[in-house]
Amino acid sequence: MITSKDVEHVAKLARLALTEDEKRLYTDQLSRILEYFGQLDKIDTNGIEPMSHALPVVNVMREDVVVAPPGHQQLLLSAPASETTDQGSFFRVPRIGD
């Protein structure tokens, strides 16, 4: 059973200022919540496996498949502009700034 002192203690920890009406309300609500958990404790759960979800969870994403990367020259084919110099082939981009 939750008492008004318990509610005051939790409110203090949460740095909440409660009115007397709120203390009575929360005392009643928290008591009913704990009573419900008491009812759940009475349920026989022997032989029931713990679960993380009520329904089966299935991964909807595709399986990861290792593939070879397309390669430098293949990537340059999809570029709007490219340039080949002594150092290699590069994407050509507009100049920014001065």
PDB file of N, CA and C in Angstrom:
ATOM      1  N   MET A   1       0.851  -1.183   0.000  1.00  0.00           N
ATOM      2  CA  MET A   1       0.000   0.000   0.000  1.00  0.00           C
ATOM      3  C   MET A   1       0.890   1.238   0.000  1.00  0.00           C
ATOM      4  N   ILE A   2       0.624   2.136  -0.883  1.00  0.00           N
ATOM      5  CA  ILE A   2       1.366   3.390  -0.981  1.00  0.00           C
ATOM      6  C   ILE A   2       0.754   4.391   0.000  1.00  0.00           C
ATOM      7  N   THR A   3       1.613   5.089   0.718  1.00  0.00           N
ATOM      8  CA  THR A   3       1.136   6.118   1.641  1.00  0.00           C
ATOM      9  C   THR A   3       1.407   7.496   1.059  1.00  0.00           C
ATOM     10  N   SER A   4       0.817   8.481   1.671  1.00  0.00           N
ATOM     11  CA  SER A   4       1.038   9.860   1.247  1.00  0.00           C
ATOM     12  C   SER A   4       2.508  10.235   1.418  1.00  0.00           C
ATOM     13  N   LYS A   5       3.155   9.672   2.459  1.00  0.00           N
ATOM     14  CA  LYS A   5       4.581   9.939   2.670  1.00  0.00           C
ATOM     15  C   LYS A   5       5.413   9.393   1.517  1.00  0.00           C
ATOM     16  N   ASP A   6       5.039   8.218   0.991  1.00  0.00           N
ATOM     17  CA  ASP A   6       5.748   7.646  -0.160  1.00  0.00           C
ATOM     18  C   ASP A   6       5.636   8.566  -1.367  1.00  0.00           C
ATOM     19  N   VAL A   7       4.443   9.075  -1.594  1.00  0.00           N
ATOM     20  CA  VAL A   7       4.221   9.986  -2.724  1.00  0.00           C
ATOM     21  C   VAL A   7       5.029  11.263  -2.523  1.00  0.00           C
ATOM     22  N   GLU A   8       5.052  11.792  -1.315  1.00  0.00           N
ATOM     23  CA  GLU A   8       5.845  12.992  -1.028  1.00  0.00           C
ATOM     24  C   GLU A   8       7.327  12.735  -1.279  1.00  0.00           C
ATOM     25  N   HIS A   9       7.806  11.542  -0.890  1.00  0.00           N
ATOM     26  CA  HIS A   9       9.218  11.203  -1.092  1.00  0.00           C
ATOM     27  C   HIS A   9       9.553  11.136  -2.585  1.00  0.00           C
ATOM     28  N   VAL A  10       8.718  10.465  -3.357  1.00  0.00           N
ATOM     29  CA  VAL A  10       8.957  10.363  -4.802  1.00  0.00           C
ATOM     30  C   VAL A  10       8.875  11.746  -5.449  1.00  0.00           C
ATOM     31  N   ALA A  11       7.920  12.552  -5.013  1.00  0.00           N
ATOM     32  CA  ALA A  11       7.787  13.909  -5.557  1.00  0.00           C
ATOM     33  C   ALA A  11       9.033  14.730  -5.243  1.00  0.00           C
ATOM     34  N   LYS A  12       9.567  14.551  -4.041  1.00  0.00           N
ATOM     35  CA  LYS A  12      10.789  15.280  -3.673  1.00  0.00           C
ATOM     36  C   LYS A  12      11.960  14.846  -4.554  1.00  0.00           C
ATOM     37  N   LEU A  13      12.093  13.535  -4.784  1.00  0.00           N
ATOM     38  CA  LEU A  13      13.164  13.033  -5.645  1.00  0.00           C
ATOM     39  C   LEU A  13      13.041  13.573  -7.067  1.00  0.00           C
ATOM     40  N   ALA A  14      11.799  13.709  -7.539  1.00  0.00           N
ATOM     41  CA  ALA A  14      11.543  14.212  -8.886  1.00  0.00           C
ATOM     42  C   ALA A  14      11.469  15.731  -8.924  1.00  0.00           C
ATOM     43  N   ARG A  15      11.652  16.349  -7.751  1.00  0.00           N
ATOM     44  CA  ARG A  15      11.595  17.809  -7.626  1.00  0.00           C
ATOM     45  C   ARG A  15      10.265  18.367  -8.126  1.00  0.00           C
ATOM     46  N   LEU A  16       9.195  17.706  -7.664  1.00  0.00           N
ATOM     47  CA  LEU A  16       7.845  18.138  -8.010  1.00  0.00           C
ATOM     48  C   LEU A  16       7.181  18.734  -6.774  1.00  0.00           C
ATOM     49  N   ALA A  17       6.475  19.806  -6.954  1.00  0.00           N
ATOM     50  CA  ALA A  17       5.680  20.394  -5.881  1.00  0.00           C
ATOM     51  C   ALA A  17       4.242  19.954  -6.094  1.00  0.00           C
ATOM     52  N   LEU A  18       3.713  19.167  -5.156  1.00  0.00           N
ATOM     53  CA  LEU A  18       2.359  18.641  -5.294  1.00  0.00           C
ATOM     54  C   LEU A  18       1.430  19.299  -4.288  1.00  0.00           C
ATOM     55  N   THR A  19       0.213  19.536  -4.736  1.00  0.00           N
ATOM     56  CA  THR A  19      -0.814  20.029  -3.821  1.00  0.00           C
ATOM     57  C   THR A  19      -1.341  18.841  -3.019  1.00  0.00           C
ATOM     58  N   GLU A  20      -2.106  19.105  -1.983  1.00  0.00           N
ATOM     59  CA  GLU A  20      -2.686  18.028  -1.179  1.00  0.00           C
ATOM     60  C   GLU A  20      -3.627  17.169  -2.018  1.00  0.00           C
ATOM     61  N   ASP A  21      -4.377  17.794  -2.913  1.00  0.00           N
ATOM     62  CA  ASP A  21      -5.274  17.032  -3.796  1.00  0.00           C
ATOM     63  C   ASP A  21      -4.478  16.096  -4.700  1.00  0.00           C
ATOM     64  N   GLU A  22      -3.371  16.596  -5.242  1.00  0.00           N
ATOM     65  CA  GLU A  22      -2.527  15.759  -6.114  1.00  0.00           C
ATOM     66  C   GLU A  22      -1.914  14.608  -5.324  1.00  0.00           C
ATOM     67  N   LYS A  23      -1.495  14.865  -4.098  1.00  0.00           N
ATOM     68  CA  LYS A  23      -0.928  13.793  -3.268  1.00  0.00           C
ATOM     69  C   LYS A  23      -1.954  12.694  -3.044  1.00  0.00           C
ATOM     70  N   ARG A  24      -3.199  13.067  -2.736  1.00  0.00           N
ATOM     71  CA  ARG A  24      -4.258  12.073  -2.529  1.00  0.00           C
ATOM     72  C   ARG A  24      -4.527  11.312  -3.829  1.00  0.00           C
ATOM     73  N   LEU A  25      -4.582  12.031  -4.944  1.00  0.00           N
ATOM     74  CA  LEU A  25      -4.830  11.403  -6.243  1.00  0.00           C
ATOM     75  C   LEU A  25      -3.733  10.397  -6.579  1.00  0.00           C
ATOM     76  N   TYR A  26      -2.473  10.817  -6.452  1.00  0.00           N
ATOM     77  CA  TYR A  26      -1.359   9.934  -6.806  1.00  0.00           C
ATOM     78  C   TYR A  26      -1.219   8.776  -5.834  1.00  0.00           C
ATOM     79  N   THR A  27      -1.549   8.997  -4.570  1.00  0.00           N
ATOM     80  CA  THR A  27      -1.521   7.904  -3.603  1.00  0.00           C
ATOM     81  C   THR A  27      -2.528   6.830  -4.019  1.00  0.00           C
ATOM     82  N   ASP A  28      -3.721   7.244  -4.385  1.00  0.00           N
ATOM     83  CA  ASP A  28      -4.755   6.307  -4.821  1.00  0.00           C
ATOM     84  C   ASP A  28      -4.344   5.597  -6.115  1.00  0.00           C
ATOM     85  N   GLN A  29      -3.854   6.351  -7.091  1.00  0.00           N
ATOM     86  CA  GLN A  29      -3.489   5.758  -8.382  1.00  0.00           C
ATOM     87  C   GLN A  29      -2.327   4.773  -8.235  1.00  0.00           C
ATOM     88  N   LEU A  30      -1.298   5.153  -7.498  1.00  0.00           N
ATOM     89  CA  LEU A  30      -0.150   4.258  -7.328  1.00  0.00           C
ATOM     90  C   LEU A  30      -0.529   3.011  -6.536  1.00  0.00           C
ATOM     91  N   SER A  31      -1.412   3.149  -5.561  1.00  0.00           N
ATOM     92  CA  SER A  31      -1.879   1.983  -4.801  1.00  0.00           C
ATOM     93  C   SER A  31      -2.610   1.014  -5.717  1.00  0.00           C
ATOM     94  N   ARG A  32      -3.465   1.533  -6.594  1.00  0.00           N
ATOM     95  CA  ARG A  32      -4.194   0.659  -7.521  1.00  0.00           C
ATOM     96  C   ARG A  32      -3.249  -0.029  -8.499  1.00  0.00           C
ATOM     97  N   ILE A  33      -2.211   0.681  -8.934  1.00  0.00           N
ATOM     98  CA  ILE A  33      -1.224   0.075  -9.846  1.00  0.00           C
ATOM     99  C   ILE A  33      -0.522  -1.081  -9.155  1.00  0.00           C
ATOM    100  N   LEU A  34      -0.090  -0.875  -7.907  1.00  0.00           N
ATOM    101  CA  LEU A  34       0.593  -1.943  -7.184  1.00  0.00           C
ATOM    102  C   LEU A  34      -0.340  -3.111  -6.873  1.00  0.00           C
ATOM    103  N   GLU A  35      -1.612  -2.833  -6.600  1.00  0.00           N
ATOM    104  CA  GLU A  35      -2.579  -3.907  -6.393  1.00  0.00           C
ATOM    105  C   GLU A  35      -2.701  -4.755  -7.656  1.00  0.00           C
ATOM    106  N   TYR A  36      -2.687  -4.116  -8.815  1.00  0.00           N
ATOM    107  CA  TYR A  36      -2.783  -4.850 -10.081  1.00  0.00           C
ATOM    108  C   TYR A  36      -1.558  -5.744 -10.264  1.00  0.00           C
ATOM    109  N   PHE A  37      -0.379  -5.232  -9.936  1.00  0.00           N
ATOM    110  CA  PHE A  37       0.822  -6.068 -10.025  1.00  0.00           C
ATOM    111  C   PHE A  37       0.726  -7.240  -9.061  1.00  0.00           C
ATOM    112  N   GLY A  38       0.082  -7.036  -7.911  1.00  0.00           N
ATOM    113  CA  GLY A  38      -0.144  -8.136  -6.978  1.00  0.00           C
ATOM    114  C   GLY A  38      -1.005  -9.214  -7.603  1.00  0.00           C
ATOM    115  N   GLN A  39      -2.010  -8.820  -8.379  1.00  0.00           N
ATOM    116  CA  GLN A  39      -2.846  -9.796  -9.081  1.00  0.00           C
ATOM    117  C   GLN A  39      -2.026 -10.557 -10.110  1.00  0.00           C
ATOM    118  N   LEU A  40      -1.147  -9.856 -10.807  1.00  0.00           N
ATOM    119  CA  LEU A  40      -0.317 -10.516 -11.823  1.00  0.00           C
ATOM    120  C   LEU A  40       0.641 -11.514 -11.189  1.00  0.00           C
ATOM    121  N   ASP A  41       1.098 -11.229  -9.968  1.00  0.00           N
ATOM    122  CA  ASP A  41       1.997 -12.155  -9.272  1.00  0.00           C
ATOM    123  C   ASP A  41       1.320 -13.485  -8.976  1.00  0.00           C
ATOM    124  N   LYS A  42       0.001 -13.502  -8.883  1.00  0.00           N
ATOM    125  CA  LYS A  42      -0.731 -14.722  -8.563  1.00  0.00           C
ATOM    126  C   LYS A  42      -0.872 -15.657  -9.771  1.00  0.00           C
ATOM    127  N   ILE A  43      -0.589 -15.176 -10.964  1.00  0.00           N
ATOM    128  CA  ILE A  43      -0.744 -15.984 -12.180  1.00  0.00           C
ATOM    129  C   ILE A  43       0.377 -17.016 -12.241  1.00  0.00           C
ATOM    130  N   ASP A  44       0.012 -18.263 -12.528  1.00  0.00           N
ATOM    131  CA  ASP A  44       0.990 -19.342 -12.652  1.00  0.00           C
ATOM    132  C   ASP A  44       1.681 -19.238 -14.012  1.00  0.00           C
ATOM    133  N   THR A  45       2.965 -18.946 -13.996  1.00  0.00           N
ATOM    134  CA  THR A  45       3.721 -18.812 -15.244  1.00  0.00           C
ATOM    135  C   THR A  45       4.753 -19.929 -15.411  1.00  0.00           C
ATOM    136  N   ASN A  46       4.613 -21.009 -14.641  1.00  0.00           N
ATOM    137  CA  ASN A  46       5.539 -22.135 -14.793  1.00  0.00           C
ATOM    138  C   ASN A  46       5.413 -22.724 -16.190  1.00  0.00           C
ATOM    139  N   GLY A  47       6.533 -22.968 -16.821  1.00  0.00           N
ATOM    140  CA  GLY A  47       6.544 -23.565 -18.148  1.00  0.00           C
ATOM    141  C   GLY A  47       6.346 -22.573 -19.279  1.00  0.00           C
ATOM    142  N   ILE A  48       6.218 -21.299 -18.962  1.00  0.00           N
ATOM    143  CA  ILE A  48       6.051 -20.277 -20.005  1.00  0.00           C
ATOM    144  C   ILE A  48       7.389 -19.573 -20.189  1.00  0.00           C
ATOM    145  N   GLU A  49       7.882 -19.610 -21.413  1.00  0.00           N
ATOM    146  CA  GLU A  49       9.161 -18.994 -21.712  1.00  0.00           C
ATOM    147  C   GLU A  49       9.051 -17.473 -21.677  1.00  0.00           C
ATOM    148  N   PRO A  50      10.032 -16.797 -21.094  1.00  0.00           N
ATOM    149  CA  PRO A  50      10.031 -15.322 -21.152  1.00  0.00           C
ATOM    150  C   PRO A  50      10.134 -14.862 -22.604  1.00  0.00           C
ATOM    151  N   MET A  51       9.519 -13.726 -22.911  1.00  0.00           N
ATOM    152  CA  MET A  51       9.578 -13.208 -24.275  1.00  0.00           C
ATOM    153  C   MET A  51       9.760 -11.698 -24.237  1.00  0.00           C
ATOM    154  N   SER A  52      10.307 -11.178 -25.320  1.00  0.00           N
ATOM    155  CA  SER A  52      10.516  -9.738 -25.391  1.00  0.00           C
ATOM    156  C   SER A  52       9.394  -9.045 -26.151  1.00  0.00           C
ATOM    157  N   HIS A  53       8.628  -9.808 -26.946  1.00  0.00           N
ATOM    158  CA  HIS A  53       7.534  -9.240 -27.730  1.00  0.00           C
ATOM    159  C   HIS A  53       6.342 -10.194 -27.679  1.00  0.00           C
ATOM    160  N   ALA A  54       5.162  -9.629 -27.740  1.00  0.00           N
ATOM    161  CA  ALA A  54       3.959 -10.455 -27.724  1.00  0.00           C
ATOM    162  C   ALA A  54       3.758 -11.187 -29.044  1.00  0.00           C
ATOM    163  N   LEU A  55       4.247 -10.610 -30.118  1.00  0.00           N
ATOM    164  CA  LEU A  55       4.127 -11.215 -31.445  1.00  0.00           C
ATOM    165  C   LEU A  55       5.513 -11.530 -31.976  1.00  0.00           C
ATOM    166  N   PRO A  56       5.627 -12.513 -32.860  1.00  0.00           N
ATOM    167  CA  PRO A  56       6.948 -12.807 -33.424  1.00  0.00           C
ATOM    168  C   PRO A  56       7.488 -11.620 -34.217  1.00  0.00           C
ATOM    169  N   VAL A  57       8.764 -11.337 -34.041  1.00  0.00           N
ATOM    170  CA  VAL A  57       9.395 -10.229 -34.738  1.00  0.00           C
ATOM    171  C   VAL A  57      10.218 -10.797 -35.888  1.00  0.00           C
ATOM    172  N   VAL A  58       9.979 -10.281 -37.075  1.00  0.00           N
ATOM    173  CA  VAL A  58      10.674 -10.757 -38.261  1.00  0.00           C
ATOM    174  C   VAL A  58      11.426  -9.583 -38.874  1.00  0.00           C
ATOM    175  N   ASN A  59      12.664  -9.808 -39.240  1.00  0.00           N
ATOM    176  CA  ASN A  59      13.449  -8.766 -39.885  1.00  0.00           C
ATOM    177  C   ASN A  59      12.934  -8.569 -41.307  1.00  0.00           C
ATOM    178  N   VAL A  60      12.489  -7.359 -41.616  1.00  0.00           N
ATOM    179  CA  VAL A  60      11.939  -7.091 -42.948  1.00  0.00           C
ATOM    180  C   VAL A  60      13.010  -6.600 -43.915  1.00  0.00           C
ATOM    181  N   MET A  61      14.219  -6.436 -43.422  1.00  0.00           N
ATOM    182  CA  MET A  61      15.303  -5.976 -44.280  1.00  0.00           C
ATOM    183  C   MET A  61      15.882  -7.174 -45.035  1.00  0.00           C
ATOM    184  N   ARG A  62      16.500  -6.899 -46.136  1.00  0.00           N
ATOM    185  CA  ARG A  62      17.116  -7.970 -46.916  1.00  0.00           C
ATOM    186  C   ARG A  62      18.355  -8.492 -46.194  1.00  0.00           C
ATOM    187  N   GLU A  63      18.767  -9.682 -46.540  1.00  0.00           N
ATOM    188  CA  GLU A  63      19.990 -10.247 -45.976  1.00  0.00           C
ATOM    189  C   GLU A  63      21.194  -9.484 -46.519  1.00  0.00           C
ATOM    190  N   ASP A  64      22.203  -9.331 -45.701  1.00  0.00           N
ATOM    191  CA  ASP A  64      23.433  -8.699 -46.161  1.00  0.00           C
ATOM    192  C   ASP A  64      24.171  -9.661 -47.088  1.00  0.00           C
ATOM    193  N   VAL A  65      24.560  -9.153 -48.245  1.00  0.00           N
ATOM    194  CA  VAL A  65      25.292  -9.952 -49.218  1.00  0.00           C
ATOM    195  C   VAL A  65      26.566  -9.195 -49.561  1.00  0.00           C
ATOM    196  N   VAL A  66      27.693  -9.876 -49.477  1.00  0.00           N
ATOM    197  CA  VAL A  66      28.964  -9.246 -49.800  1.00  0.00           C
ATOM    198  C   VAL A  66      29.122  -9.212 -51.316  1.00  0.00           C
ATOM    199  N   VAL A  67      29.347  -8.021 -51.846  1.00  0.00           N
ATOM    200  CA  VAL A  67      29.577  -7.865 -53.278  1.00  0.00           C
ATOM    201  C   VAL A  67      30.826  -7.019 -53.480  1.00  0.00           C
ATOM    202  N   ALA A  68      31.438  -7.197 -54.602  1.00  0.00           N
ATOM    203  CA  ALA A  68      32.640  -6.417 -54.909  1.00  0.00           C
ATOM    204  C   ALA A  68      32.238  -4.976 -55.224  1.00  0.00           C
ATOM    205  N   PRO A  69      33.028  -3.995 -54.777  1.00  0.00           N
ATOM    206  CA  PRO A  69      32.707  -2.606 -55.121  1.00  0.00           C
ATOM    207  C   PRO A  69      32.827  -2.400 -56.630  1.00  0.00           C
ATOM    208  N   PRO A  70      32.113  -1.400 -57.190  1.00  0.00           N
ATOM    209  CA  PRO A  70      32.082  -1.237 -58.641  1.00  0.00           C
ATOM    210  C   PRO A  70      33.428  -0.859 -59.262  1.00  0.00           C
ATOM    211  N   GLY A  71      34.300  -0.255 -58.533  1.00  0.00           N
ATOM    212  CA  GLY A  71      35.586   0.127 -59.103  1.00  0.00           C
ATOM    213  C   GLY A  71      35.615   1.596 -59.495  1.00  0.00           C
ATOM    214  N   HIS A  72      36.809   2.159 -59.515  1.00  0.00           N
ATOM    215  CA  HIS A  72      37.007   3.578 -59.753  1.00  0.00           C
ATOM    216  C   HIS A  72      36.483   4.021 -61.125  1.00  0.00           C
ATOM    217  N   GLN A  73      36.839   3.292 -62.156  1.00  0.00           N
ATOM    218  CA  GLN A  73      36.436   3.686 -63.512  1.00  0.00           C
ATOM    219  C   GLN A  73      34.926   3.581 -63.696  1.00  0.00           C
ATOM    220  N   GLN A  74      34.309   2.586 -63.132  1.00  0.00           N
ATOM    221  CA  GLN A  74      32.853   2.431 -63.223  1.00  0.00           C
ATOM    222  C   GLN A  74      32.143   3.597 -62.537  1.00  0.00           C
ATOM    223  N   LEU A  75      32.660   4.030 -61.377  1.00  0.00           N
ATOM    224  CA  LEU A  75      32.062   5.155 -60.663  1.00  0.00           C
ATOM    225  C   LEU A  75      32.214   6.451 -61.453  1.00  0.00           C
ATOM    226  N   LEU A  76      33.348   6.634 -62.114  1.00  0.00           N
ATOM    227  CA  LEU A  76      33.561   7.845 -62.899  1.00  0.00           C
ATOM    228  C   LEU A  76      32.604   7.936 -64.085  1.00  0.00           C
ATOM    229  N   LEU A  77      32.120   6.789 -64.572  1.00  0.00           N
ATOM    230  CA  LEU A  77      31.182   6.809 -65.696  1.00  0.00           C
ATOM    231  C   LEU A  77      29.856   7.475 -65.313  1.00  0.00           C
ATOM    232  N   SER A  78      29.486   7.436 -64.033  1.00  0.00           N
ATOM    233  CA  SER A  78      28.228   8.032 -63.614  1.00  0.00           C
ATOM    234  C   SER A  78      28.389   9.490 -63.188  1.00  0.00           C
ATOM    235  N   ALA A  79      29.611  10.017 -63.244  1.00  0.00           N
ATOM    236  CA  ALA A  79      29.847  11.407 -62.855  1.00  0.00           C
ATOM    237  C   ALA A  79      29.434  12.347 -63.976  1.00  0.00           C
ATOM    238  N   PRO A  80      28.877  13.530 -63.643  1.00  0.00           N
ATOM    239  CA  PRO A  80      28.536  14.497 -64.681  1.00  0.00           C
ATOM    240  C   PRO A  80      29.777  14.976 -65.434  1.00  0.00           C
ATOM    241  N   ALA A  81      30.902  15.046 -64.720  1.00  0.00           N
ATOM    242  CA  ALA A  81      32.157  15.454 -65.370  1.00  0.00           C
ATOM    243  C   ALA A  81      33.310  14.801 -64.621  1.00  0.00           C
ATOM    244  N   SER A  82      34.323  14.390 -65.368  1.00  0.00           N
ATOM    245  CA  SER A  82      35.517  13.819 -64.747  1.00  0.00           C
ATOM    246  C   SER A  82      36.736  14.367 -65.469  1.00  0.00           C
ATOM    247  N   GLU A  83      37.889  14.167 -64.844  1.00  0.00           N
ATOM    248  CA  GLU A  83      39.127  14.696 -65.422  1.00  0.00           C
ATOM    249  C   GLU A  83      40.243  13.708 -65.139  1.00  0.00           C
ATOM    250  N   THR A  84      41.088  13.488 -66.134  1.00  0.00           N
ATOM    251  CA  THR A  84      42.234  12.610 -65.960  1.00  0.00           C
ATOM    252  C   THR A  84      43.504  13.451 -66.015  1.00  0.00           C
ATOM    253  N   THR A  85      44.341  13.299 -65.009  1.00  0.00           N
ATOM    254  CA  THR A  85      45.614  14.027 -64.939  1.00  0.00           C
ATOM    255  C   THR A  85      46.724  13.016 -64.746  1.00  0.00           C
ATOM    256  N   ASP A  86      47.927  13.533 -64.527  1.00  0.00           N
ATOM    257  CA  ASP A  86      49.076  12.651 -64.274  1.00  0.00           C
ATOM    258  C   ASP A  86      48.880  11.847 -62.981  1.00  0.00           C
ATOM    259  N   GLN A  87      48.145  12.422 -62.033  1.00  0.00           N
ATOM    260  CA  GLN A  87      47.935  11.748 -60.747  1.00  0.00           C
ATOM    261  C   GLN A  87      46.802  10.722 -60.794  1.00  0.00           C
ATOM    262  N   GLY A  88      45.929  10.744 -61.809  1.00  0.00           N
ATOM    263  CA  GLY A  88      44.839   9.789 -61.915  1.00  0.00           C
ATOM    264  C   GLY A  88      43.574  10.435 -62.437  1.00  0.00           C
ATOM    265  N   SER A  89      42.477   9.719 -62.309  1.00  0.00           N
ATOM    266  CA  SER A  89      41.178  10.221 -62.771  1.00  0.00           C
ATOM    267  C   SER A  89      40.376  10.682 -61.564  1.00  0.00           C
ATOM    268  N   PHE A  90      39.670  11.818 -61.738  1.00  0.00           N
ATOM    269  CA  PHE A  90      38.947  12.430 -60.626  1.00  0.00           C
ATOM    270  C   PHE A  90      37.590  12.937 -61.083  1.00  0.00           C
ATOM    271  N   PHE A  91      36.680  13.106 -60.108  1.00  0.00           N
ATOM    272  CA  PHE A  91      35.423  13.798 -60.377  1.00  0.00           C
ATOM    273  C   PHE A  91      35.745  15.269 -60.579  1.00  0.00           C
ATOM    274  N   ARG A  92      35.111  15.880 -61.553  1.00  0.00           N
ATOM    275  CA  ARG A  92      35.261  17.328 -61.777  1.00  0.00           C
ATOM    276  C   ARG A  92      34.065  18.020 -61.145  1.00  0.00           C
ATOM    277  N   VAL A  93      34.354  18.975 -60.260  1.00  0.00           N
ATOM    278  CA  VAL A  93      33.284  19.698 -59.556  1.00  0.00           C
ATOM    279  C   VAL A  93      33.462  21.167 -59.771  1.00  0.00           C
ATOM    280  N   PRO A  94      32.376  21.954 -59.688  1.00  0.00           N
ATOM    281  CA  PRO A  94      32.498  23.395 -59.870  1.00  0.00           C
ATOM    282  C   PRO A  94      33.375  24.002 -58.766  1.00  0.00           C
ATOM    283  N   ARG A  95      34.097  25.032 -59.113  1.00  0.00           N
ATOM    284  CA  ARG A  95      34.948  25.728 -58.161  1.00  0.00           C
ATOM    285  C   ARG A  95      34.074  26.488 -57.158  1.00  0.00           C
ATOM    286  N   ILE A  96      34.481  26.459 -55.902  1.00  0.00           N
ATOM    287  CA  ILE A  96      33.753  27.160 -54.860  1.00  0.00           C
ATOM    288  C   ILE A  96      34.691  28.210 -54.285  1.00  0.00           C
ATOM    289  N   GLY A  97      34.227  29.429 -54.218  1.00  0.00           N
ATOM    290  CA  GLY A  97      35.032  30.514 -53.637  1.00  0.00           C
ATOM    291  C   GLY A  97      36.049  31.059 -54.625  1.00  0.00           C
ATOM    292  N   ASP A  98      36.914  31.929 -54.106  1.00  0.00           N
ATOM    293  CA  ASP A  98      37.936  32.552 -54.967  1.00  0.00           C
ATOM    294  C   ASP A  98      39.237  31.815 -54.957  1.00  0.00           C
TER     295      ASP A  98
END
